[in-house]
Amino acid sequence: MKGLHLEQSEIVNERFAVVYAPGRNRKRFSENCVYVKESEQEARAAADQAKGLFPARVVGPSRSSEGFRLYYLRAWLD
């Protein structure tokens, strides 16, 4: 992977997170809606459905063509 920058290599990293998603029909989220956690248990513990915060497995961050950093939903954990 000659010339690959660290930030670009992080694109494929799967992470546990709490995602702010008032409606759970989206598959990608800007970084300000994603709160990365160290473990699945931590993500589940930080979830709060009443506030629209759901535990998930996400992939990212990835830079969009518009320059935004995005996370992609792999799976909801609940």
PDB file of N, CA and C in Angstrom:
ATOM      1  N   MET A   1       0.837  -1.184   0.000  1.00  0.00           N
ATOM      2  CA  MET A   1       0.000   0.000   0.000  1.00  0.00           C
ATOM      3  C   MET A   1       0.876   1.238   0.000  1.00  0.00           C
ATOM      4  N   LYS A   2       1.659   1.343  -0.957  1.00  0.00           N
ATOM      5  CA  LYS A   2       2.587   2.447  -1.072  1.00  0.00           C
ATOM      6  C   LYS A   2       1.835   3.771  -1.147  1.00  0.00           C
ATOM      7  N   GLY A   3       2.237   4.722  -0.311  1.00  0.00           N
ATOM      8  CA  GLY A   3       1.636   6.053  -0.342  1.00  0.00           C
ATOM      9  C   GLY A   3       0.332   6.172   0.442  1.00  0.00           C
ATOM     10  N   LEU A   4      -0.072   5.139   1.150  1.00  0.00           N
ATOM     11  CA  LEU A   4      -1.309   5.184   1.908  1.00  0.00           C
ATOM     12  C   LEU A   4      -1.070   5.911   3.226  1.00  0.00           C
ATOM     13  N   HIS A   5      -1.859   6.909   3.509  1.00  0.00           N
ATOM     14  CA  HIS A   5      -1.731   7.672   4.746  1.00  0.00           C
ATOM     15  C   HIS A   5      -2.481   6.961   5.862  1.00  0.00           C
ATOM     16  N   LEU A   6      -2.065   7.188   7.102  1.00  0.00           N
ATOM     17  CA  LEU A   6      -2.697   6.562   8.247  1.00  0.00           C
ATOM     18  C   LEU A   6      -4.186   6.831   8.267  1.00  0.00           C
ATOM     19  N   GLU A   7      -4.601   8.074   8.056  1.00  0.00           N
ATOM     20  CA  GLU A   7      -6.024   8.412   8.098  1.00  0.00           C
ATOM     21  C   GLU A   7      -6.800   7.596   7.082  1.00  0.00           C
ATOM     22  N   GLN A   8      -6.250   7.385   5.898  1.00  0.00           N
ATOM     23  CA  GLN A   8      -6.929   6.601   4.880  1.00  0.00           C
ATOM     24  C   GLN A   8      -7.016   5.136   5.285  1.00  0.00           C
ATOM     25  N   SER A   9      -6.001   4.633   5.970  1.00  0.00           N
ATOM     26  CA  SER A   9      -6.019   3.233   6.362  1.00  0.00           C
ATOM     27  C   SER A   9      -7.060   2.968   7.442  1.00  0.00           C
ATOM     28  N   GLU A  10      -7.471   3.988   8.179  1.00  0.00           N
ATOM     29  CA  GLU A  10      -8.475   3.820   9.225  1.00  0.00           C
ATOM     30  C   GLU A  10      -9.873   3.611   8.659  1.00  0.00           C
ATOM     31  N   ILE A  11     -10.066   3.802   7.383  1.00  0.00           N
ATOM     32  CA  ILE A  11     -11.374   3.675   6.757  1.00  0.00           C
ATOM     33  C   ILE A  11     -11.997   2.316   7.049  1.00  0.00           C
ATOM     34  N   VAL A  12     -11.207   1.266   7.028  1.00  0.00           N
ATOM     35  CA  VAL A  12     -11.733  -0.083   7.168  1.00  0.00           C
ATOM     36  C   VAL A  12     -11.867  -0.533   8.617  1.00  0.00           C
ATOM     37  N   ASN A  13     -11.530   0.306   9.578  1.00  0.00           N
ATOM     38  CA  ASN A  13     -11.618  -0.082  10.984  1.00  0.00           C
ATOM     39  C   ASN A  13     -13.064  -0.173  11.432  1.00  0.00           C
ATOM     40  N   GLU A  14     -13.394  -1.317  12.004  1.00  0.00           N
ATOM     41  CA  GLU A  14     -14.721  -1.473  12.585  1.00  0.00           C
ATOM     42  C   GLU A  14     -14.623  -1.097  14.058  1.00  0.00           C
ATOM     43  N   ARG A  15     -15.603  -0.362  14.522  1.00  0.00           N
ATOM     44  CA  ARG A  15     -15.582   0.138  15.898  1.00  0.00           C
ATOM     45  C   ARG A  15     -16.962  -0.015  16.522  1.00  0.00           C
ATOM     46  N   PHE A  16     -16.983  -0.061  17.844  1.00  0.00           N
ATOM     47  CA  PHE A  16     -18.239   0.010  18.573  1.00  0.00           C
ATOM     48  C   PHE A  16     -18.504   1.471  18.870  1.00  0.00           C
ATOM     49  N   ALA A  17     -19.761   1.857  18.838  1.00  0.00           N
ATOM     50  CA  ALA A  17     -20.096   3.260  19.047  1.00  0.00           C
ATOM     51  C   ALA A  17     -21.533   3.398  19.501  1.00  0.00           C
ATOM     52  N   VAL A  18     -21.833   4.600  19.975  1.00  0.00           N
ATOM     53  CA  VAL A  18     -23.212   5.018  20.198  1.00  0.00           C
ATOM     54  C   VAL A  18     -23.486   6.041  19.106  1.00  0.00           C
ATOM     55  N   VAL A  19     -24.585   5.838  18.395  1.00  0.00           N
ATOM     56  CA  VAL A  19     -24.920   6.688  17.261  1.00  0.00           C
ATOM     57  C   VAL A  19     -26.189   7.469  17.567  1.00  0.00           C
ATOM     58  N   TYR A  20     -26.126   8.785  17.354  1.00  0.00           N
ATOM     59  CA  TYR A  20     -27.328   9.607  17.480  1.00  0.00           C
ATOM     60  C   TYR A  20     -28.112   9.450  16.183  1.00  0.00           C
ATOM     61  N   ALA A  21     -29.285   8.837  16.288  1.00  0.00           N
ATOM     62  CA  ALA A  21     -30.100   8.558  15.107  1.00  0.00           C
ATOM     63  C   ALA A  21     -31.571   8.617  15.480  1.00  0.00           C
ATOM     64  N   PRO A  22     -32.215   9.802  15.379  1.00  0.00           N
ATOM     65  CA  PRO A  22     -33.638   9.901  15.718  1.00  0.00           C
ATOM     66  C   PRO A  22     -34.493   8.917  14.920  1.00  0.00           C
ATOM     67  N   GLY A  23     -34.146   8.701  13.652  1.00  0.00           N
ATOM     68  CA  GLY A  23     -34.776   7.674  12.831  1.00  0.00           C
ATOM     69  C   GLY A  23     -33.676   6.724  12.401  1.00  0.00           C
ATOM     70  N   ARG A  24     -33.883   5.439  12.561  1.00  0.00           N
ATOM     71  CA  ARG A  24     -32.788   4.504  12.320  1.00  0.00           C
ATOM     72  C   ARG A  24     -32.793   3.958  10.896  1.00  0.00           C
ATOM     73  N   ASN A  25     -33.138   4.777   9.930  1.00  0.00           N
ATOM     74  CA  ASN A  25     -33.184   4.315   8.549  1.00  0.00           C
ATOM     75  C   ASN A  25     -31.952   4.709   7.743  1.00  0.00           C
ATOM     76  N   ARG A  26     -31.040   5.459   8.316  1.00  0.00           N
ATOM     77  CA  ARG A  26     -29.823   5.878   7.611  1.00  0.00           C
ATOM     78  C   ARG A  26     -28.729   4.828   7.760  1.00  0.00           C
ATOM     79  N   LYS A  27     -27.804   4.819   6.808  1.00  0.00           N
ATOM     80  CA  LYS A  27     -26.694   3.867   6.830  1.00  0.00           C
ATOM     81  C   LYS A  27     -25.346   4.555   6.990  1.00  0.00           C
ATOM     82  N   ARG A  28     -25.324   5.897   6.917  1.00  0.00           N
ATOM     83  CA  ARG A  28     -24.070   6.616   7.143  1.00  0.00           C
ATOM     84  C   ARG A  28     -24.352   7.838   8.008  1.00  0.00           C
ATOM     85  N   PHE A  29     -23.337   8.201   8.814  1.00  0.00           N
ATOM     86  CA  PHE A  29     -23.510   9.249   9.811  1.00  0.00           C
ATOM     87  C   PHE A  29     -22.275  10.128   9.856  1.00  0.00           C
ATOM     88  N   SER A  30     -22.472  11.429   9.984  1.00  0.00           N
ATOM     89  CA  SER A  30     -21.329  12.321  10.130  1.00  0.00           C
ATOM     90  C   SER A  30     -20.686  12.070  11.494  1.00  0.00           C
ATOM     91  N   GLU A  31     -19.409  12.410  11.608  1.00  0.00           N
ATOM     92  CA  GLU A  31     -18.669  12.088  12.830  1.00  0.00           C
ATOM     93  C   GLU A  31     -19.246  12.750  14.078  1.00  0.00           C
ATOM     94  N   ASN A  32     -19.980  13.852  13.933  1.00  0.00           N
ATOM     95  CA  ASN A  32     -20.545  14.501  15.120  1.00  0.00           C
ATOM     96  C   ASN A  32     -21.763  13.756  15.677  1.00  0.00           C
ATOM     97  N   CYS A  33     -22.216  12.701  14.997  1.00  0.00           N
ATOM     98  CA  CYS A  33     -23.330  11.871  15.473  1.00  0.00           C
ATOM     99  C   CYS A  33     -22.854  10.533  16.020  1.00  0.00           C
ATOM    100  N   VAL A  34     -21.546  10.293  15.976  1.00  0.00           N
ATOM    101  CA  VAL A  34     -20.990   8.994  16.356  1.00  0.00           C
ATOM    102  C   VAL A  34     -20.034   9.180  17.528  1.00  0.00           C
ATOM    103  N   TYR A  35     -20.269   8.402  18.583  1.00  0.00           N
ATOM    104  CA  TYR A  35     -19.438   8.457  19.782  1.00  0.00           C
ATOM    105  C   TYR A  35     -18.757   7.101  19.930  1.00  0.00           C
ATOM    106  N   VAL A  36     -17.519   7.008  19.499  1.00  0.00           N
ATOM    107  CA  VAL A  36     -16.775   5.752  19.501  1.00  0.00           C
ATOM    108  C   VAL A  36     -16.510   5.313  20.941  1.00  0.00           C
ATOM    109  N   LYS A  37     -16.704   4.016  21.182  1.00  0.00           N
ATOM    110  CA  LYS A  37     -16.482   3.420  22.503  1.00  0.00           C
ATOM    111  C   LYS A  37     -15.422   2.325  22.392  1.00  0.00           C
ATOM    112  N   GLU A  38     -14.851   1.945  23.514  1.00  0.00           N
ATOM    113  CA  GLU A  38     -13.785   0.942  23.540  1.00  0.00           C
ATOM    114  C   GLU A  38     -14.292  -0.483  23.358  1.00  0.00           C
ATOM    115  N   SER A  39     -15.553  -0.733  23.706  1.00  0.00           N
ATOM    116  CA  SER A  39     -16.062  -2.103  23.654  1.00  0.00           C
ATOM    117  C   SER A  39     -17.562  -2.104  23.356  1.00  0.00           C
ATOM    118  N   GLU A  40     -18.052  -3.282  23.026  1.00  0.00           N
ATOM    119  CA  GLU A  40     -19.492  -3.446  22.809  1.00  0.00           C
ATOM    120  C   GLU A  40     -20.257  -3.146  24.096  1.00  0.00           C
ATOM    121  N   GLN A  41     -19.731  -3.623  25.218  1.00  0.00           N
ATOM    122  CA  GLN A  41     -20.397  -3.399  26.505  1.00  0.00           C
ATOM    123  C   GLN A  41     -20.500  -1.907  26.818  1.00  0.00           C
ATOM    124  N   GLU A  42     -19.427  -1.157  26.536  1.00  0.00           N
ATOM    125  CA  GLU A  42     -19.435   0.283  26.777  1.00  0.00           C
ATOM    126  C   GLU A  42     -20.462   0.981  25.876  1.00  0.00           C
ATOM    127  N   ALA A  43     -20.562   0.542  24.636  1.00  0.00           N
ATOM    128  CA  ALA A  43     -21.538   1.126  23.711  1.00  0.00           C
ATOM    129  C   ALA A  43     -22.955   0.841  24.183  1.00  0.00           C
ATOM    130  N   ARG A  44     -23.202  -0.379  24.596  1.00  0.00           N
ATOM    131  CA  ARG A  44     -24.546  -0.733  25.084  1.00  0.00           C
ATOM    132  C   ARG A  44     -24.900   0.059  26.347  1.00  0.00           C
ATOM    133  N   ALA A  45     -23.927   0.230  27.230  1.00  0.00           N
ATOM    134  CA  ALA A  45     -24.175   0.954  28.483  1.00  0.00           C
ATOM    135  C   ALA A  45     -24.445   2.433  28.249  1.00  0.00           C
ATOM    136  N   ALA A  46     -23.858   3.014  27.219  1.00  0.00           N
ATOM    137  CA  ALA A  46     -24.021   4.449  26.942  1.00  0.00           C
ATOM    138  C   ALA A  46     -25.266   4.760  26.109  1.00  0.00           C
ATOM    139  N   ALA A  47     -25.926   3.743  25.596  1.00  0.00           N
ATOM    140  CA  ALA A  47     -27.109   3.951  24.757  1.00  0.00           C
ATOM    141  C   ALA A  47     -28.258   4.536  25.574  1.00  0.00           C
ATOM    142  N   ASP A  48     -29.074   5.327  24.916  1.00  0.00           N
ATOM    143  CA  ASP A  48     -30.251   5.921  25.552  1.00  0.00           C
ATOM    144  C   ASP A  48     -31.293   6.169  24.460  1.00  0.00           C
ATOM    145  N   GLN A  49     -32.180   5.202  24.265  1.00  0.00           N
ATOM    146  CA  GLN A  49     -33.178   5.296  23.197  1.00  0.00           C
ATOM    147  C   GLN A  49     -34.029   6.546  23.295  1.00  0.00           C
ATOM    148  N   ALA A  50     -34.354   6.976  24.500  1.00  0.00           N
ATOM    149  CA  ALA A  50     -35.176   8.169  24.683  1.00  0.00           C
ATOM    150  C   ALA A  50     -34.513   9.416  24.097  1.00  0.00           C
ATOM    151  N   LYS A  51     -33.182   9.416  24.047  1.00  0.00           N
ATOM    152  CA  LYS A  51     -32.428  10.542  23.486  1.00  0.00           C
ATOM    153  C   LYS A  51     -31.962  10.263  22.054  1.00  0.00           C
ATOM    154  N   GLY A  52     -32.382   9.138  21.477  1.00  0.00           N
ATOM    155  CA  GLY A  52     -31.990   8.808  20.108  1.00  0.00           C
ATOM    156  C   GLY A  52     -30.578   8.282  19.982  1.00  0.00           C
ATOM    157  N   LEU A  53     -30.018   7.747  21.080  1.00  0.00           N
ATOM    158  CA  LEU A  53     -28.648   7.215  21.086  1.00  0.00           C
ATOM    159  C   LEU A  53     -28.690   5.689  21.104  1.00  0.00           C
ATOM    160  N   PHE A  54     -28.198   5.065  20.026  1.00  0.00           N
ATOM    161  CA  PHE A  54     -28.292   3.629  19.858  1.00  0.00           C
ATOM    162  C   PHE A  54     -26.910   2.999  19.709  1.00  0.00           C
ATOM    163  N   PRO A  55     -26.709   1.816  20.326  1.00  0.00           N
ATOM    164  CA  PRO A  55     -25.419   1.135  20.194  1.00  0.00           C
ATOM    165  C   PRO A  55     -25.312   0.500  18.802  1.00  0.00           C
ATOM    166  N   ALA A  56     -24.096   0.546  18.248  1.00  0.00           N
ATOM    167  CA  ALA A  56     -23.903   0.027  16.893  1.00  0.00           C
ATOM    168  C   ALA A  56     -22.465  -0.385  16.660  1.00  0.00           C
ATOM    169  N   ARG A  57     -22.265  -1.169  15.597  1.00  0.00           N
ATOM    170  CA  ARG A  57     -20.941  -1.414  15.030  1.00  0.00           C
ATOM    171  C   ARG A  57     -20.871  -0.540  13.789  1.00  0.00           C
ATOM    172  N   VAL A  58     -19.830   0.263  13.694  1.00  0.00           N
ATOM    173  CA  VAL A  58     -19.668   1.171  12.562  1.00  0.00           C
ATOM    174  C   VAL A  58     -18.286   0.978  11.938  1.00  0.00           C
ATOM    175  N   VAL A  59     -18.138   1.436  10.715  1.00  0.00           N
ATOM    176  CA  VAL A  59     -16.867   1.397  10.011  1.00  0.00           C
ATOM    177  C   VAL A  59     -16.496   2.829   9.666  1.00  0.00           C
ATOM    178  N   GLY A  60     -15.246   3.199   9.952  1.00  0.00           N
ATOM    179  CA  GLY A  60     -14.804   4.541   9.607  1.00  0.00           C
ATOM    180  C   GLY A  60     -13.784   5.050  10.586  1.00  0.00           C
ATOM    181  N   PRO A  61     -13.489   6.316  10.509  1.00  0.00           N
ATOM    182  CA  PRO A  61     -14.122   7.311   9.645  1.00  0.00           C
ATOM    183  C   PRO A  61     -13.550   7.286   8.232  1.00  0.00           C
ATOM    184  N   SER A  62     -14.369   7.733   7.320  1.00  0.00           N
ATOM    185  CA  SER A  62     -13.999   7.842   5.916  1.00  0.00           C
ATOM    186  C   SER A  62     -14.313   9.264   5.474  1.00  0.00           C
ATOM    187  N   ARG A  63     -13.505   9.805   4.601  1.00  0.00           N
ATOM    188  CA  ARG A  63     -13.748  11.168   4.124  1.00  0.00           C
ATOM    189  C   ARG A  63     -14.636  11.107   2.887  1.00  0.00           C
ATOM    190  N   SER A  64     -15.754  11.844   2.917  1.00  0.00           N
ATOM    191  CA  SER A  64     -16.672  11.880   1.780  1.00  0.00           C
ATOM    192  C   SER A  64     -16.108  12.776   0.684  1.00  0.00           C
ATOM    193  N   SER A  65     -16.732  12.743  -0.467  1.00  0.00           N
ATOM    194  CA  SER A  65     -16.292  13.588  -1.578  1.00  0.00           C
ATOM    195  C   SER A  65     -16.461  15.067  -1.258  1.00  0.00           C
ATOM    196  N   GLU A  66     -17.345  15.381  -0.305  1.00  0.00           N
ATOM    197  CA  GLU A  66     -17.544  16.766   0.115  1.00  0.00           C
ATOM    198  C   GLU A  66     -16.581  17.182   1.220  1.00  0.00           C
ATOM    199  N   GLY A  67     -15.752  16.253   1.675  1.00  0.00           N
ATOM    200  CA  GLY A  67     -14.768  16.560   2.705  1.00  0.00           C
ATOM    201  C   GLY A  67     -15.224  16.263   4.122  1.00  0.00           C
ATOM    202  N   PHE A  68     -16.411  15.688   4.311  1.00  0.00           N
ATOM    203  CA  PHE A  68     -16.900  15.340   5.639  1.00  0.00           C
ATOM    204  C   PHE A  68     -16.363  13.978   6.046  1.00  0.00           C
ATOM    205  N   ARG A  69     -16.172  13.789   7.346  1.00  0.00           N
ATOM    206  CA  ARG A  69     -15.763  12.483   7.865  1.00  0.00           C
ATOM    207  C   ARG A  69     -17.024  11.726   8.243  1.00  0.00           C
ATOM    208  N   LEU A  70     -17.170  10.525   7.686  1.00  0.00           N
ATOM    209  CA  LEU A  70     -18.382   9.727   7.862  1.00  0.00           C
ATOM    210  C   LEU A  70     -18.074   8.369   8.464  1.00  0.00           C
ATOM    211  N   TYR A  71     -19.056   7.847   9.182  1.00  0.00           N
ATOM    212  CA  TYR A  71     -19.037   6.471   9.647  1.00  0.00           C
ATOM    213  C   TYR A  71     -20.182   5.749   8.962  1.00  0.00           C
ATOM    214  N   TYR A  72     -19.949   4.485   8.618  1.00  0.00           N
ATOM    215  CA  TYR A  72     -20.956   3.667   7.954  1.00  0.00           C
ATOM    216  C   TYR A  72     -21.454   2.594   8.907  1.00  0.00           C
ATOM    217  N   LEU A  73     -22.753   2.424   8.977  1.00  0.00           N
ATOM    218  CA  LEU A  73     -23.368   1.453   9.877  1.00  0.00           C
ATOM    219  C   LEU A  73     -23.063   0.038   9.404  1.00  0.00           C
ATOM    220  N   ARG A  74     -22.523  -0.771  10.283  1.00  0.00           N
ATOM    221  CA  ARG A  74     -22.348  -2.204  10.008  1.00  0.00           C
ATOM    222  C   ARG A  74     -23.549  -2.944  10.559  1.00  0.00           C
ATOM    223  N   ALA A  75     -23.922  -2.630  11.840  1.00  0.00           N
ATOM    224  CA  ALA A  75     -25.086  -3.288  12.453  1.00  0.00           C
ATOM    225  C   ALA A  75     -25.488  -2.547  13.720  1.00  0.00           C
ATOM    226  N   TRP A  76     -26.790  -2.499  13.961  1.00  0.00           N
ATOM    227  CA  TRP A  76     -27.282  -2.017  15.256  1.00  0.00           C
ATOM    228  C   TRP A  76     -27.083  -3.152  16.260  1.00  0.00           C
ATOM    229  N   LEU A  77     -26.799  -2.830  17.513  1.00  0.00           N
ATOM    230  CA  LEU A  77     -26.519  -3.846  18.533  1.00  0.00           C
ATOM    231  C   LEU A  77     -27.711  -4.197  19.386  1.00  0.00           C
ATOM    232  N   ASP A  78     -28.819  -3.532  19.215  1.00  0.00           N
ATOM    233  CA  ASP A  78     -29.975  -3.867  20.065  1.00  0.00           C
ATOM    234  C   ASP A  78     -31.043  -4.635  19.361  1.00  0.00           C
TER     235      ASP A  78
END
